[in-house]
Amino acid sequence: MIEKIVRYFPDLSANQIEQFSRLKKIYENWNSKINVISRKDMDNFYIHHVLHSLAVAKVIRFPAGTRILDAGTGGGFPGIPLAIMFPRSEFSLLDSIEKKIRVVLSVAGEAGLTNVRAIRRRIEEEKGIFDYIVSRAVTDFPNLIRLTEKNVIKTTKGGSKNGIICFKGGDIGLEVARYKSKIEVFEIKDFFSEPYFETKKIIFLAL
């Protein structure tokens, strides 16, 4: 399945391809100890987790030195794949559950990632300042903004607008209604042809 990653991102370096190739084995080893990813999703690991996470790279290219907070990272998504994709950016992967943070630290180490740090903390307790927040299926969109808006610095790097990037699926009309004039919504099916992405979206709120 690594071929799908390379097909959609043909400019990957040999080192990045190697890092992506090693991810499934690393997560399989962890899954044998802790239920990080469901068995069904493990069978579709590169589509459901890696490629899904990398949809962000079709929306925005993080400039070198950019600081990104993955709020509620779980087992490391989207933060780990994005850290491979953007090795010159700095990723902080935050979760309140200790065992998930242990997984993140181990995966980052085994994958050879030097641009990842793990934070065990609740989102509302995080005081760090970042250029971007990314989050996948943690809470509803208004609540995500309420919890993380305080963590986004308003100055920008390389002309890109800072903000909050959120993964969503299905009908998001009511959830984003109050922000309709402030957000951009991207259909992931416009980037990737797999049926899994048919109803999945990325929302970007510039701050």
C-alpha atoms as a PDB file:
ATOM      1  CA  MET A   1       0.000   0.000   0.000  1.00  0.00           C
ATOM      2  CA  ILE A   2       2.995   2.301   0.290  1.00  0.00           C
ATOM      3  CA  GLU A   3       2.692   2.595  -3.493  1.00  0.00           C
ATOM      4  CA  LYS A   4      -0.450   4.687  -3.009  1.00  0.00           C
ATOM      5  CA  ILE A   5       1.478   7.179  -0.899  1.00  0.00           C
ATOM      6  CA  VAL A   6       4.191   7.431  -3.536  1.00  0.00           C
ATOM      7  CA  ARG A   7       1.620   7.783  -6.314  1.00  0.00           C
ATOM      8  CA  TYR A   8      -0.051  10.763  -4.661  1.00  0.00           C
ATOM      9  CA  PHE A   9       3.221  12.272  -3.449  1.00  0.00           C
ATOM     10  CA  PRO A  10       5.821  11.513  -6.142  1.00  0.00           C
ATOM     11  CA  ASP A  11       8.379  13.976  -4.757  1.00  0.00           C
ATOM     12  CA  LEU A  12       9.054  12.034  -1.556  1.00  0.00           C
ATOM     13  CA  SER A  13      12.711  11.404  -0.757  1.00  0.00           C
ATOM     14  CA  ALA A  14      14.103   7.883  -0.371  1.00  0.00           C
ATOM     15  CA  ASN A  15      14.273   8.458   3.386  1.00  0.00           C
ATOM     16  CA  GLN A  16      10.628   9.532   3.576  1.00  0.00           C
ATOM     17  CA  ILE A  17       9.530   6.472   1.585  1.00  0.00           C
ATOM     18  CA  GLU A  18      11.511   4.262   3.958  1.00  0.00           C
ATOM     19  CA  GLN A  19       9.923   5.939   6.986  1.00  0.00           C
ATOM     20  CA  PHE A  20       6.409   5.496   5.610  1.00  0.00           C
ATOM     21  CA  SER A  21       7.191   1.883   4.698  1.00  0.00           C
ATOM     22  CA  ARG A  22       8.212   1.079   8.281  1.00  0.00           C
ATOM     23  CA  LEU A  23       5.145   2.591   9.933  1.00  0.00           C
ATOM     24  CA  LYS A  24       2.753  -0.337   9.548  1.00  0.00           C
ATOM     25  CA  LYS A  25       5.142  -2.839  11.127  1.00  0.00           C
ATOM     26  CA  ILE A  26       5.801  -0.466  14.018  1.00  0.00           C
ATOM     27  CA  TYR A  27       2.081  -0.026  14.668  1.00  0.00           C
ATOM     28  CA  GLU A  28       1.403  -3.755  14.296  1.00  0.00           C
ATOM     29  CA  ASN A  29       3.967  -4.409  17.026  1.00  0.00           C
ATOM     30  CA  TRP A  30       2.310  -1.892  19.312  1.00  0.00           C
ATOM     31  CA  ASN A  31      -1.165  -3.205  18.494  1.00  0.00           C
ATOM     32  CA  SER A  32      -0.115  -6.612  19.811  1.00  0.00           C
ATOM     33  CA  LYS A  33       0.381  -4.959  23.222  1.00  0.00           C
ATOM     34  CA  ILE A  34      -2.125  -2.089  23.272  1.00  0.00           C
ATOM     35  CA  ASN A  35      -5.246  -1.662  21.152  1.00  0.00           C
ATOM     36  CA  VAL A  36      -4.078   1.491  19.353  1.00  0.00           C
ATOM     37  CA  ILE A  37      -5.828   0.868  16.028  1.00  0.00           C
ATOM     38  CA  SER A  38      -8.790  -1.426  15.367  1.00  0.00           C
ATOM     39  CA  ARG A  39      -8.047  -4.640  13.453  1.00  0.00           C
ATOM     40  CA  LYS A  40     -10.283  -3.523  10.576  1.00  0.00           C
ATOM     41  CA  ASP A  41      -8.422  -0.225  10.297  1.00  0.00           C
ATOM     42  CA  MET A  42      -5.075  -2.005  10.617  1.00  0.00           C
ATOM     43  CA  ASP A  43      -5.953  -3.944   7.446  1.00  0.00           C
ATOM     44  CA  ASN A  44      -6.400  -0.565   5.726  1.00  0.00           C
ATOM     45  CA  PHE A  45      -3.661   1.219   7.625  1.00  0.00           C
ATOM     46  CA  TYR A  46      -2.142   3.200   4.761  1.00  0.00           C
ATOM     47  CA  ILE A  47      -5.492   4.462   3.469  1.00  0.00           C
ATOM     48  CA  HIS A  48      -7.459   5.015   6.685  1.00  0.00           C
ATOM     49  CA  HIS A  49      -4.633   6.515   8.699  1.00  0.00           C
ATOM     50  CA  VAL A  50      -1.553   7.504   6.716  1.00  0.00           C
ATOM     51  CA  LEU A  51      -3.120   8.764   3.496  1.00  0.00           C
ATOM     52  CA  HIS A  52      -6.030  10.331   5.366  1.00  0.00           C
ATOM     53  CA  SER A  53      -3.562  12.264   7.544  1.00  0.00           C
ATOM     54  CA  LEU A  54      -1.595  13.369   4.496  1.00  0.00           C
ATOM     55  CA  ALA A  55      -4.630  15.053   2.962  1.00  0.00           C
ATOM     56  CA  VAL A  56      -3.455  18.102   4.923  1.00  0.00           C
ATOM     57  CA  ALA A  57      -0.410  18.251   2.615  1.00  0.00           C
ATOM     58  CA  LYS A  58      -2.777  18.744  -0.332  1.00  0.00           C
ATOM     59  CA  VAL A  59      -4.290  21.776   1.404  1.00  0.00           C
ATOM     60  CA  ILE A  60      -1.224  23.506   2.829  1.00  0.00           C
ATOM     61  CA  ARG A  61       2.556  23.156   2.691  1.00  0.00           C
ATOM     62  CA  PHE A  62       4.019  23.943   6.084  1.00  0.00           C
ATOM     63  CA  PRO A  63       7.032  26.283   5.752  1.00  0.00           C
ATOM     64  CA  ALA A  64      10.315  25.306   7.424  1.00  0.00           C
ATOM     65  CA  GLY A  65      10.275  26.094  11.119  1.00  0.00           C
ATOM     66  CA  THR A  66       6.488  25.930  11.385  1.00  0.00           C
ATOM     67  CA  ARG A  67       5.197  24.731  14.749  1.00  0.00           C
ATOM     68  CA  ILE A  68       2.167  22.424  14.632  1.00  0.00           C
ATOM     69  CA  LEU A  69       0.109  21.051  17.520  1.00  0.00           C
ATOM     70  CA  ASP A  70      -1.749  17.780  16.909  1.00  0.00           C
ATOM     71  CA  ALA A  71      -4.564  18.178  19.444  1.00  0.00           C
ATOM     72  CA  GLY A  72      -5.817  14.805  20.659  1.00  0.00           C
ATOM     73  CA  THR A  73      -3.349  12.765  18.611  1.00  0.00           C
ATOM     74  CA  GLY A  74      -4.420   9.342  19.883  1.00  0.00           C
ATOM     75  CA  GLY A  75      -1.865   6.919  18.465  1.00  0.00           C
ATOM     76  CA  GLY A  76      -0.167   9.638  16.447  1.00  0.00           C
ATOM     77  CA  PHE A  77      -2.534  10.741  13.671  1.00  0.00           C
ATOM     78  CA  PRO A  78      -2.311  12.976  11.784  1.00  0.00           C
ATOM     79  CA  GLY A  79       0.918  14.088  13.485  1.00  0.00           C
ATOM     80  CA  ILE A  80       3.271  11.186  12.698  1.00  0.00           C
ATOM     81  CA  PRO A  81       2.586  11.029   8.925  1.00  0.00           C
ATOM     82  CA  LEU A  82       2.742  14.831   8.692  1.00  0.00           C
ATOM     83  CA  ALA A  83       6.044  14.884  10.570  1.00  0.00           C
ATOM     84  CA  ILE A  84       7.463  12.527   7.927  1.00  0.00           C
ATOM     85  CA  MET A  85       6.037  14.668   5.142  1.00  0.00           C
ATOM     86  CA  PHE A  86       7.381  17.926   6.626  1.00  0.00           C
ATOM     87  CA  PRO A  87      10.730  17.088   8.269  1.00  0.00           C
ATOM     88  CA  ARG A  88      11.673  20.758   8.646  1.00  0.00           C
ATOM     89  CA  SER A  89       8.573  21.593  10.691  1.00  0.00           C
ATOM     90  CA  GLU A  90       8.142  20.929  14.415  1.00  0.00           C
ATOM     91  CA  PHE A  91       5.277  18.734  15.603  1.00  0.00           C
ATOM     92  CA  SER A  92       3.899  18.530  19.144  1.00  0.00           C
ATOM     93  CA  LEU A  93       1.549  15.568  19.586  1.00  0.00           C
ATOM     94  CA  LEU A  94      -0.779  16.055  22.531  1.00  0.00           C
ATOM     95  CA  ASP A  95      -3.031  13.550  24.274  1.00  0.00           C
ATOM     96  CA  SER A  96      -4.255  13.141  27.850  1.00  0.00           C
ATOM     97  CA  ILE A  97      -3.857   9.348  27.897  1.00  0.00           C
ATOM     98  CA  GLU A  98      -0.445   8.118  29.005  1.00  0.00           C
ATOM     99  CA  LYS A  99      -0.395   4.871  27.009  1.00  0.00           C
ATOM    100  CA  LYS A 100      -1.086   6.751  23.788  1.00  0.00           C
ATOM    101  CA  ILE A 101       1.775   9.137  24.492  1.00  0.00           C
ATOM    102  CA  ARG A 102       4.045   6.122  25.070  1.00  0.00           C
ATOM    103  CA  VAL A 103       3.052   4.820  21.650  1.00  0.00           C
ATOM    104  CA  VAL A 104       3.727   8.190  20.002  1.00  0.00           C
ATOM    105  CA  LEU A 105       7.178   8.451  21.561  1.00  0.00           C
ATOM    106  CA  SER A 106       8.085   4.915  20.535  1.00  0.00           C
ATOM    107  CA  VAL A 107       6.771   5.252  16.983  1.00  0.00           C
ATOM    108  CA  ALA A 108       8.583   8.551  16.463  1.00  0.00           C
ATOM    109  CA  GLY A 109      11.819   7.010  17.733  1.00  0.00           C
ATOM    110  CA  GLU A 110      11.549   3.831  15.668  1.00  0.00           C
ATOM    111  CA  ALA A 111      10.675   5.832  12.553  1.00  0.00           C
ATOM    112  CA  GLY A 112      13.700   8.078  13.068  1.00  0.00           C
ATOM    113  CA  LEU A 113      11.716  11.272  13.527  1.00  0.00           C
ATOM    114  CA  THR A 114      13.615  14.095  15.218  1.00  0.00           C
ATOM    115  CA  ASN A 115      10.904  16.729  14.732  1.00  0.00           C
ATOM    116  CA  VAL A 116       8.292  15.175  17.041  1.00  0.00           C
ATOM    117  CA  ARG A 117       7.669  15.692  20.744  1.00  0.00           C
ATOM    118  CA  ALA A 118       4.855  14.150  22.758  1.00  0.00           C
ATOM    119  CA  ILE A 119       2.842  15.988  25.414  1.00  0.00           C
ATOM    120  CA  ARG A 120       0.618  14.276  27.968  1.00  0.00           C
ATOM    121  CA  ARG A 121      -1.942  16.959  28.755  1.00  0.00           C
ATOM    122  CA  ARG A 122      -5.568  17.911  28.229  1.00  0.00           C
ATOM    123  CA  ILE A 123      -6.109  20.310  25.338  1.00  0.00           C
ATOM    124  CA  GLU A 124      -7.594  22.999  27.560  1.00  0.00           C
ATOM    125  CA  GLU A 125      -4.473  22.901  29.768  1.00  0.00           C
ATOM    126  CA  GLU A 126      -1.982  23.406  26.929  1.00  0.00           C
ATOM    127  CA  LYS A 127      -0.437  26.890  27.001  1.00  0.00           C
ATOM    128  CA  GLY A 128       2.053  26.577  24.140  1.00  0.00           C
ATOM    129  CA  ILE A 129       1.854  28.793  21.065  1.00  0.00           C
ATOM    130  CA  PHE A 130       1.830  27.265  17.580  1.00  0.00           C
ATOM    131  CA  ASP A 131       1.391  28.289  13.958  1.00  0.00           C
ATOM    132  CA  TYR A 132      -1.229  25.604  13.293  1.00  0.00           C
ATOM    133  CA  ILE A 133      -3.516  23.272  15.166  1.00  0.00           C
ATOM    134  CA  VAL A 134      -4.432  19.987  13.461  1.00  0.00           C
ATOM    135  CA  SER A 135      -7.022  17.608  14.857  1.00  0.00           C
ATOM    136  CA  ARG A 136      -8.764  14.461  13.700  1.00  0.00           C
ATOM    137  CA  ALA A 137     -12.095  13.363  15.191  1.00  0.00           C
ATOM    138  CA  VAL A 138     -11.518  14.753  18.682  1.00  0.00           C
ATOM    139  CA  THR A 139     -14.544  16.970  19.261  1.00  0.00           C
ATOM    140  CA  ASP A 140     -17.061  19.068  17.344  1.00  0.00           C
ATOM    141  CA  PHE A 141     -15.711  22.029  15.395  1.00  0.00           C
ATOM    142  CA  PRO A 142     -16.978  24.884  17.639  1.00  0.00           C
ATOM    143  CA  ASN A 143     -15.560  23.163  20.710  1.00  0.00           C
ATOM    144  CA  LEU A 144     -12.221  22.558  18.991  1.00  0.00           C
ATOM    145  CA  ILE A 145     -11.976  26.278  18.252  1.00  0.00           C
ATOM    146  CA  ARG A 146     -12.926  27.148  21.823  1.00  0.00           C
ATOM    147  CA  LEU A 147     -10.212  24.852  23.183  1.00  0.00           C
ATOM    148  CA  THR A 148      -7.366  25.703  20.807  1.00  0.00           C
ATOM    149  CA  GLU A 149      -7.808  29.254  19.489  1.00  0.00           C
ATOM    150  CA  LYS A 150      -5.695  30.485  22.412  1.00  0.00           C
ATOM    151  CA  ASN A 151      -2.750  28.418  21.127  1.00  0.00           C
ATOM    152  CA  VAL A 152      -2.492  29.900  17.615  1.00  0.00           C
ATOM    153  CA  ILE A 153      -0.038  32.732  17.027  1.00  0.00           C
ATOM    154  CA  LYS A 154      -1.375  35.317  14.606  1.00  0.00           C
ATOM    155  CA  THR A 155       1.914  36.192  12.845  1.00  0.00           C
ATOM    156  CA  THR A 156       2.699  34.002   9.852  1.00  0.00           C
ATOM    157  CA  LYS A 157       5.643  32.366   8.097  1.00  0.00           C
ATOM    158  CA  GLY A 158       6.171  32.489   4.362  1.00  0.00           C
ATOM    159  CA  GLY A 159       2.893  34.228   3.611  1.00  0.00           C
ATOM    160  CA  SER A 160       0.721  31.314   4.790  1.00  0.00           C
ATOM    161  CA  LYS A 161      -2.187  32.110   7.101  1.00  0.00           C
ATOM    162  CA  ASN A 162      -2.016  30.407  10.492  1.00  0.00           C
ATOM    163  CA  GLY A 163      -5.053  28.612  11.813  1.00  0.00           C
ATOM    164  CA  ILE A 164      -6.929  25.477  12.798  1.00  0.00           C
ATOM    165  CA  ILE A 165      -7.139  22.429  10.521  1.00  0.00           C
ATOM    166  CA  CYS A 166      -9.816  19.868  11.305  1.00  0.00           C
ATOM    167  CA  PHE A 167     -10.800  16.524   9.742  1.00  0.00           C
ATOM    168  CA  LYS A 168     -14.518  15.877   9.410  1.00  0.00           C
ATOM    169  CA  GLY A 169     -16.875  13.446   7.690  1.00  0.00           C
ATOM    170  CA  GLY A 170     -20.465  13.467   6.484  1.00  0.00           C
ATOM    171  CA  ASP A 171     -22.805  16.436   6.734  1.00  0.00           C
ATOM    172  CA  ILE A 172     -21.048  19.275   8.552  1.00  0.00           C
ATOM    173  CA  GLY A 173     -23.578  22.023   7.732  1.00  0.00           C
ATOM    174  CA  LEU A 174     -24.949  22.663  11.231  1.00  0.00           C
ATOM    175  CA  GLU A 175     -21.586  22.157  12.904  1.00  0.00           C
ATOM    176  CA  VAL A 176     -19.839  24.879  10.915  1.00  0.00           C
ATOM    177  CA  ALA A 177     -22.797  27.170  10.211  1.00  0.00           C
ATOM    178  CA  ARG A 178     -21.607  30.055  12.381  1.00  0.00           C
ATOM    179  CA  TYR A 179     -18.151  29.968  10.754  1.00  0.00           C
ATOM    180  CA  LYS A 180     -19.311  29.587   7.160  1.00  0.00           C
ATOM    181  CA  SER A 181     -17.848  32.900   5.990  1.00  0.00           C
ATOM    182  CA  LYS A 182     -14.514  32.275   7.765  1.00  0.00           C
ATOM    183  CA  ILE A 183     -13.626  28.720   6.781  1.00  0.00           C
ATOM    184  CA  GLU A 184     -12.460  26.829   3.725  1.00  0.00           C
ATOM    185  CA  VAL A 185     -13.804  23.307   3.246  1.00  0.00           C
ATOM    186  CA  PHE A 186     -11.833  20.830   1.140  1.00  0.00           C
ATOM    187  CA  GLU A 187     -13.269  17.539  -0.117  1.00  0.00           C
ATOM    188  CA  ILE A 188     -10.612  14.847   0.305  1.00  0.00           C
ATOM    189  CA  LYS A 189     -12.136  12.912  -2.607  1.00  0.00           C
ATOM    190  CA  ASP A 190     -10.784  15.710  -4.827  1.00  0.00           C
ATOM    191  CA  PHE A 191      -7.262  14.642  -3.836  1.00  0.00           C
ATOM    192  CA  PHE A 192      -7.564  10.856  -3.472  1.00  0.00           C
ATOM    193  CA  SER A 193      -9.721   8.464  -5.522  1.00  0.00           C
ATOM    194  CA  GLU A 194     -10.290   5.745  -2.891  1.00  0.00           C
ATOM    195  CA  PRO A 195     -13.993   5.289  -1.908  1.00  0.00           C
ATOM    196  CA  TYR A 196     -13.068   5.693   1.771  1.00  0.00           C
ATOM    197  CA  PHE A 197     -12.657   9.438   1.218  1.00  0.00           C
ATOM    198  CA  GLU A 198     -16.014  10.002  -0.483  1.00  0.00           C
ATOM    199  CA  THR A 199     -17.567  11.956   2.422  1.00  0.00           C
ATOM    200  CA  LYS A 200     -14.429  13.080   4.238  1.00  0.00           C
ATOM    201  CA  LYS A 201     -13.385  16.710   4.467  1.00  0.00           C
ATOM    202  CA  ILE A 202     -10.766  19.067   5.811  1.00  0.00           C
ATOM    203  CA  ILE A 203     -11.861  22.353   7.341  1.00  0.00           C
ATOM    204  CA  PHE A 204      -9.395  25.225   7.593  1.00  0.00           C
ATOM    205  CA  LEU A 205     -10.112  28.254   9.756  1.00  0.00           C
ATOM    206  CA  ALA A 206      -7.545  31.031   9.272  1.00  0.00           C
ATOM    207  CA  LEU A 207      -6.867  33.135  12.367  1.00  0.00           C
END
